[in-house]
Protein backbone atom coordinates (compact mmCIF):
# COMPACT_ATOMS: atom_id res chain seq x y z
CA MET A 1 -33.20 -13.28 -31.71
CA GLY A 2 -35.41 -11.37 -34.16
CA ASP A 3 -35.23 -7.58 -34.80
CA ARG A 4 -38.39 -7.02 -32.75
CA GLN A 5 -37.12 -8.98 -29.74
CA GLN A 6 -33.82 -7.03 -29.98
CA ALA A 7 -35.70 -3.70 -30.02
CA LEU A 8 -37.81 -4.94 -26.98
CA LEU A 9 -34.74 -5.99 -25.11
CA LYS A 10 -33.05 -2.70 -25.70
CA GLU A 11 -36.05 -0.80 -24.38
CA ILE A 12 -36.48 -3.06 -21.38
CA VAL A 13 -32.77 -2.72 -20.40
CA GLU A 14 -32.72 1.03 -20.85
CA THR A 15 -36.07 1.52 -19.09
CA TYR A 16 -34.99 -0.59 -16.10
CA ILE A 17 -31.69 1.25 -15.80
CA LYS A 18 -33.53 4.52 -15.63
CA ASN A 19 -36.58 3.53 -13.48
CA VAL A 20 -35.20 0.70 -11.29
CA ARG A 21 -38.69 -1.04 -11.63
CA PRO A 22 -39.46 -4.26 -13.48
CA VAL A 23 -40.77 -3.54 -16.92
CA GLY A 24 -44.34 -4.72 -17.71
CA SER A 25 -46.09 -5.14 -21.01
CA LYS A 26 -48.42 -2.05 -20.61
CA GLY A 27 -45.90 0.66 -21.39
CA LEU A 28 -44.26 -1.40 -24.18
CA CYS A 29 -47.61 -1.94 -25.90
CA LYS A 30 -47.93 1.88 -26.47
CA LYS A 31 -44.45 2.34 -27.59
CA PHE A 32 -44.34 -0.60 -30.00
CA LYS A 33 -47.95 -0.30 -31.06
CA LEU A 34 -48.49 -4.00 -30.37
CA SER A 35 -51.07 -5.95 -28.48
CA SER A 36 -50.50 -6.89 -24.83
CA ALA A 37 -50.66 -10.56 -25.81
CA THR A 38 -47.92 -10.07 -28.44
CA ILE A 39 -45.68 -8.14 -26.02
CA ARG A 40 -46.13 -10.74 -23.27
CA ASN A 41 -45.27 -13.61 -25.78
CA GLU A 42 -42.11 -11.85 -26.90
CA MET A 43 -41.12 -11.17 -23.37
CA ALA A 44 -41.65 -14.79 -22.47
CA ALA A 45 -39.56 -15.81 -25.38
CA LEU A 46 -36.73 -13.48 -24.21
CA GLU A 47 -36.98 -14.99 -20.77
CA ASN A 48 -36.84 -18.54 -22.09
CA LEU A 49 -33.77 -17.51 -24.10
CA GLY A 50 -32.16 -16.31 -20.79
CA TYR A 51 -32.08 -12.52 -21.59
CA LEU A 52 -34.78 -11.47 -19.11
CA GLU A 53 -35.60 -12.67 -15.55
CA LYS A 54 -39.00 -12.65 -13.80
CA ASN A 55 -39.24 -10.42 -10.76
CA HIS A 56 -40.90 -12.24 -7.94
CA VAL A 57 -42.80 -9.25 -6.63
CA SER A 58 -44.42 -8.12 -9.77
CA SER A 59 -45.34 -9.37 -13.27
CA GLY A 60 -42.65 -7.31 -14.91
CA ARG A 61 -39.23 -8.43 -16.14
CA ILE A 62 -35.68 -7.33 -15.52
CA PRO A 63 -32.58 -7.91 -17.65
CA SER A 64 -30.42 -10.82 -16.72
CA GLU A 65 -26.61 -10.77 -16.96
CA LYS A 66 -26.93 -12.41 -20.34
CA GLY A 67 -29.40 -9.65 -21.42
CA TYR A 68 -27.01 -6.92 -20.24
CA ARG A 69 -24.16 -8.61 -22.08
CA PHE A 70 -26.11 -8.84 -25.31
CA TYR A 71 -27.14 -5.15 -24.83
CA VAL A 72 -23.59 -4.03 -24.43
CA GLU A 73 -22.22 -5.95 -27.28
CA ASN A 74 -25.04 -5.54 -29.89
CA LEU A 75 -27.53 -2.83 -28.99
CA MET A 76 -25.79 -0.16 -27.05
CA LYS A 77 -24.19 2.93 -28.61
CA PRO A 78 -21.70 4.89 -26.44
CA LYS A 79 -23.20 8.22 -25.50
CA GLU A 80 -21.38 11.36 -26.59
CA LEU A 81 -20.26 13.89 -23.92
CA ASN A 82 -22.01 17.13 -23.57
CA GLY A 83 -20.10 20.44 -23.69
CA GLU A 84 -19.89 20.79 -19.90
CA GLU A 85 -18.43 17.39 -19.45
CA ILE A 86 -15.85 17.87 -22.12
CA LEU A 87 -14.85 21.20 -20.64
CA LYS A 88 -14.35 19.76 -17.15
CA LEU A 89 -12.09 16.99 -18.45
CA GLN A 90 -10.09 19.19 -20.88
CA THR A 91 -9.42 21.66 -18.13
CA ILE A 92 -7.49 18.86 -16.24
CA PHE A 93 -5.53 17.87 -19.34
CA HIS A 94 -4.64 21.49 -20.10
CA ASN A 95 -3.16 21.96 -16.60
CA GLN A 96 0.62 21.83 -17.22
CA GLU A 97 1.45 21.59 -13.59
CA LEU A 98 -0.18 18.24 -13.07
CA VAL A 99 1.86 15.07 -13.44
CA VAL A 100 0.10 12.16 -15.35
CA SER A 101 -1.06 10.25 -12.34
CA ASP A 102 -2.62 13.24 -10.73
CA ALA A 103 -4.35 14.25 -14.03
CA ILE A 104 -5.77 10.71 -14.36
CA SER A 105 -7.01 10.74 -10.71
CA LYS A 106 -8.65 14.14 -11.13
CA CYS A 107 -10.40 13.04 -14.33
CA MET A 108 -11.73 9.96 -12.62
CA GLU A 109 -13.08 12.12 -9.70
CA ILE A 110 -14.97 14.10 -12.30
CA ILE A 111 -16.38 10.95 -13.96
CA SER A 112 -17.31 9.70 -10.66
CA ASP A 113 -19.32 12.91 -9.92
CA ILE A 114 -20.91 12.77 -13.37
CA THR A 115 -22.02 9.12 -13.17
CA ASN A 116 -22.65 8.81 -9.49
CA TYR A 117 -20.65 5.61 -9.50
CA THR A 118 -17.33 4.71 -7.83
CA SER A 119 -14.14 5.21 -9.72
CA VAL A 120 -10.84 3.37 -9.18
CA VAL A 121 -7.32 4.07 -10.47
CA LEU A 122 -4.81 1.23 -10.05
CA GLY A 123 -1.20 2.14 -10.69
CA LYS A 124 1.23 -0.59 -11.54
CA ASN A 125 2.64 -1.77 -8.17
CA SER A 126 6.01 -0.23 -7.48
CA LYS A 127 7.68 -3.69 -7.17
CA GLU A 128 7.37 -3.85 -10.95
CA ASN A 129 9.71 -0.73 -11.24
CA THR A 130 13.37 -1.00 -10.50
CA LEU A 131 15.70 1.96 -9.86
CA GLN A 132 17.40 3.28 -12.84
CA GLN A 133 18.75 6.46 -11.51
CA VAL A 134 18.42 9.11 -8.76
CA THR A 135 19.51 12.59 -9.58
CA ILE A 136 19.89 15.78 -7.49
CA VAL A 137 19.09 19.06 -9.28
CA PRO A 138 19.78 22.40 -7.54
CA VAL A 139 16.91 24.78 -8.15
CA GLU A 140 17.48 27.63 -5.75
CA ASN A 141 20.03 28.51 -3.03
CA ASP A 142 18.34 26.46 -0.35
CA GLN A 143 16.35 24.03 -2.41
CA VAL A 144 16.96 20.93 -4.59
CA VAL A 145 14.76 18.51 -6.55
CA ALA A 146 15.35 14.76 -6.23
CA LEU A 147 14.44 12.94 -9.44
CA VAL A 148 13.79 9.26 -9.23
CA CYS A 149 13.77 7.28 -12.48
CA THR A 150 12.75 3.67 -13.05
CA ASN A 151 13.37 1.13 -15.80
CA LYS A 152 9.71 1.48 -16.83
CA GLY A 153 10.33 5.16 -17.65
CA ILE A 154 8.48 6.64 -14.64
CA VAL A 155 9.95 9.72 -13.24
CA GLU A 156 8.92 11.23 -9.91
CA ASN A 157 10.33 14.43 -8.43
CA LYS A 158 10.28 15.82 -4.99
CA LYS A 159 11.49 19.35 -3.93
CA PHE A 160 13.38 19.75 -0.69
CA LYS A 161 14.57 22.66 1.40
CA ILE A 162 18.15 21.95 2.39
CA PRO A 163 19.14 22.54 6.04
CA ASN A 164 21.96 25.06 6.43
CA SER A 165 24.14 22.32 7.78
CA ILE A 166 24.03 20.31 4.47
CA PHE A 167 26.01 21.13 1.27
CA ILE A 168 24.51 20.29 -2.13
CA GLU A 169 27.78 18.53 -2.94
CA GLU A 170 27.07 16.03 -0.16
CA LEU A 171 23.64 15.25 -1.65
CA ILE A 172 25.14 14.80 -5.06
CA LYS A 173 27.85 12.46 -3.65
CA THR A 174 25.18 10.41 -1.88
CA SER A 175 23.18 10.12 -5.09
CA GLU A 176 26.21 8.84 -6.88
CA ILE A 177 26.65 6.18 -4.13
CA ILE A 178 23.03 5.11 -4.45
CA ASN A 179 23.36 4.87 -8.23
CA LYS A 180 26.43 2.70 -7.92
CA MET A 181 25.03 0.36 -5.27
CA LEU A 182 21.27 0.16 -5.84
CA VAL A 183 20.45 0.43 -9.61
CA GLY A 184 18.32 -2.47 -10.60
CA THR A 185 16.70 -2.77 -7.07
CA PRO A 186 12.82 -2.92 -6.93
CA ILE A 187 11.65 0.46 -5.90
CA ASP A 188 9.72 -0.93 -2.86
CA GLU A 189 13.01 -2.41 -1.49
CA VAL A 190 15.09 0.72 -1.89
CA SER A 191 14.08 2.26 1.43
CA SER A 192 15.21 -0.78 3.47
CA ARG A 193 18.57 -0.99 1.50
CA LEU A 194 19.08 2.71 2.09
CA GLU A 195 18.90 1.97 5.82
CA TYR A 196 21.18 -1.10 5.91
CA GLU A 197 23.56 -0.50 3.07
CA ILE A 198 23.77 3.14 2.13
CA LYS A 199 23.50 4.79 5.62
CA PRO A 200 26.67 2.91 6.84
CA VAL A 201 28.64 4.06 3.89
CA ILE A 202 27.68 7.75 3.96
CA SER A 203 28.15 7.87 7.67
CA LYS A 204 31.81 7.60 7.01
CA LYS A 205 31.88 10.29 4.33
CA ILE A 206 29.22 12.89 5.32
CA LYS A 207 29.07 14.76 8.61
CA GLN A 208 25.29 15.34 8.61
CA TYR A 209 24.55 11.90 7.15
CA GLU A 210 21.30 11.39 9.11
CA LYS A 211 19.72 14.45 7.45
CA VAL A 212 21.08 13.57 4.07
CA TYR A 213 19.63 9.93 4.51
CA GLU A 214 16.22 11.38 5.47
CA ILE A 215 16.04 13.40 2.19
CA PHE A 216 16.62 10.37 0.05
CA TYR A 217 14.34 8.06 2.18
CA ASP A 218 11.58 10.67 1.77
CA ALA A 219 12.02 10.76 -2.07
CA PHE A 220 11.77 7.08 -2.39
CA ASN A 221 8.95 6.63 0.17
CA ASP A 222 6.95 9.21 -1.86
CA PHE A 223 7.62 7.30 -5.00
CA THR A 224 6.36 4.02 -3.59
CA LYS A 225 3.21 5.69 -2.30
CA ASN A 226 2.43 7.46 -5.58
CA ASN A 227 2.91 4.31 -7.70
CA ALA A 228 1.53 1.56 -5.49
CA ASN A 229 -1.59 3.11 -4.04
CA VAL A 230 -5.13 2.33 -5.13
CA PHE A 231 -7.02 5.62 -5.68
CA PHE A 232 -10.76 5.73 -5.08
CA SER A 233 -13.26 8.48 -5.82
CA GLY A 234 -16.91 8.35 -4.80
CA LYS A 235 -16.47 5.13 -2.82
CA SER A 236 -19.81 5.83 -1.15
CA ASN A 237 -21.65 6.56 -4.46
CA ILE A 238 -22.42 2.84 -5.02
CA LEU A 239 -24.26 2.78 -1.67
CA LYS A 240 -26.65 5.39 -3.09
CA GLN A 241 -28.00 2.88 -5.58
CA PRO A 242 -31.13 1.01 -4.61
CA GLU A 243 -29.45 -2.35 -4.94
CA TYR A 244 -27.43 -1.55 -1.77
CA SER A 245 -30.08 -0.45 0.61
CA ASP A 246 -29.69 -3.47 2.87
CA VAL A 247 -27.36 -2.97 5.85
CA ASN A 248 -25.56 -6.35 5.38
CA GLU A 249 -25.15 -5.72 1.71
CA ILE A 250 -23.67 -2.34 2.47
CA LYS A 251 -21.17 -3.80 4.93
CA ARG A 252 -20.30 -6.63 2.42
CA ILE A 253 -19.50 -4.33 -0.54
CA ILE A 254 -17.54 -1.79 1.70
CA SER A 255 -15.37 -4.69 3.06
CA LYS A 256 -14.53 -5.59 -0.54
CA PHE A 257 -13.47 -2.05 -1.30
CA ASP A 258 -11.23 -2.17 1.70
CA ASP A 259 -9.58 -5.38 0.51
CA GLU A 260 -6.71 -4.30 -1.69
CA SER A 261 -5.87 -7.81 -2.91
CA LEU A 262 -9.42 -8.06 -4.17
CA VAL A 263 -9.44 -4.60 -5.61
CA ARG A 264 -6.23 -5.47 -7.56
CA LYS A 265 -8.34 -8.05 -9.45
CA ILE A 266 -9.95 -5.12 -11.23
CA GLU A 267 -6.67 -4.56 -12.97
CA GLU A 268 -6.85 -4.60 -16.79
CA ASN A 269 -3.91 -5.30 -19.14
CA SER A 270 -5.60 -5.06 -22.53
CA ASP A 271 -6.31 -1.96 -24.59
CA GLY A 272 -9.77 -0.49 -25.17
CA VAL A 273 -12.78 -0.12 -22.85
CA LYS A 274 -13.87 -3.44 -21.36
CA VAL A 275 -17.14 -4.32 -19.58
CA TYR A 276 -17.39 -6.92 -16.97
CA ILE A 277 -20.77 -7.91 -15.52
CA GLY A 278 -21.62 -9.75 -12.33
CA ASP A 279 -19.43 -12.83 -11.94
CA GLU A 280 -17.17 -11.78 -14.79
CA THR A 281 -15.79 -9.01 -12.67
CA GLU A 282 -13.97 -11.36 -10.23
CA PHE A 283 -14.69 -8.50 -7.70
CA ASP A 284 -18.37 -8.98 -6.74
CA PRO A 285 -21.31 -10.78 -8.44
CA ASN A 286 -23.69 -7.90 -7.84
CA VAL A 287 -21.68 -5.17 -9.76
CA THR A 288 -20.53 -4.12 -13.15
CA VAL A 289 -16.96 -2.98 -13.70
CA ILE A 290 -16.08 -0.95 -16.84
CA LYS A 291 -12.41 -0.49 -17.13
CA SER A 292 -9.46 0.28 -19.43
CA HIS A 293 -5.69 0.02 -19.35
CA TYR A 294 -3.48 3.11 -19.80
CA ASN A 295 0.26 3.48 -20.67
CA ILE A 296 1.61 7.02 -20.70
CA ASN A 297 5.29 7.32 -21.29
CA GLY A 298 5.92 4.13 -19.45
CA GLU A 299 3.52 4.85 -16.55
CA GLU A 300 0.87 2.15 -16.59
CA GLY A 301 -2.32 1.40 -14.70
CA THR A 302 -5.97 0.78 -14.80
CA ILE A 303 -8.95 3.10 -14.78
CA ALA A 304 -12.27 1.62 -13.82
CA ILE A 305 -15.88 2.52 -12.96
CA VAL A 306 -17.72 0.25 -10.50
CA GLY A 307 -21.48 0.33 -10.21
CA PRO A 308 -24.53 -1.87 -10.11
CA LYS A 309 -25.38 -4.27 -12.99
CA ARG A 310 -28.11 -1.73 -13.76
CA MET A 311 -25.44 0.78 -14.86
CA GLU A 312 -25.77 3.42 -17.52
CA TYR A 313 -23.43 1.47 -19.81
CA ASP A 314 -23.65 3.94 -22.73
CA LYS A 315 -22.73 6.90 -20.47
CA VAL A 316 -19.78 5.25 -18.74
CA VAL A 317 -18.31 3.70 -21.97
CA GLY A 318 -18.68 7.12 -23.72
CA LEU A 319 -16.74 8.82 -20.81
CA LEU A 320 -13.96 6.18 -20.73
CA ASN A 321 -13.65 6.32 -24.57
CA TYR A 322 -13.21 10.04 -24.36
CA LEU A 323 -10.70 9.69 -21.53
CA ASN A 324 -8.76 7.18 -23.58
CA LYS A 325 -8.65 9.46 -26.54
CA GLU A 326 -7.28 12.26 -24.41
CA LEU A 327 -4.76 10.00 -22.72
CA ASP A 328 -3.64 8.76 -26.33
CA GLU A 329 -3.13 12.45 -27.35
CA LEU A 330 -1.06 13.11 -24.17
CA ASN A 331 1.09 9.98 -24.92
CA LYS A 332 1.77 11.23 -28.46
CA LYS A 333 2.84 14.71 -27.18
CA ASN A 334 5.15 13.02 -24.61
CA ASN A 335 6.78 10.96 -27.36
């Protein structure tokens, strides 16, 4: 592809992304100071090469998946964030009270609002984490914190108010029993083993064993929820795009968002921002998924933006590049 054809393709892609209308030769003639015949010939050549498609309802062209791919890999430059966008994201990272998973989710909420696309956060499934240790930490007279640590380095904490009928010593004794019997157990199996293996043991040693059991059950249950859930923000944003105006298309895409096994295919395991277009996504042939893998102090997952193939690639890639940079800085501080 020659330089002029590349410049034309870049203009056609960006114009179509902005206007959602097939691009004709008239506007391109003025911009490139070329005759209508020359522009039409070059557009026909790009179509023959597979970078453009003819729209059946007009004489204009739209980018093909191959055209978008060439644009992303060769013509696009990630867009830099403006001051307001940077401030919104930095405010999240400067909030010391937020755990990593919450900070990432809130950042993706902001990115979803900025782009008007759907954001997804996929934590590593809890079955990939095994119990390393559970610790009870007294914090006040009537409160304790239960710390759950995994072999992957993930630490979750939950604060509990202790009923008057329970002594802290009983909670500590139970944590020691759990550590002795359940270390190495996949986190999503711990709750059932608490019921069938730990509960019978503590029933012989602790008077209020039911209440003690509930405290540990809640701690592990919260861990499983926080580390296995799929987090969406702006799920309905994609339906605001013109590509999804048909009722049947709306039903089809919403059903895919509700299918966790399908959403899990969005998962990314390699570093850097990756762009998947149409069939490449393994999620839906009519969308683009731009995603990245994160690993903060052993806590792993995927952040992704889902939108139409007519996505503002430069904007989304710029935002995820910035988020990755902030997450890298956070990782360095934690280490």
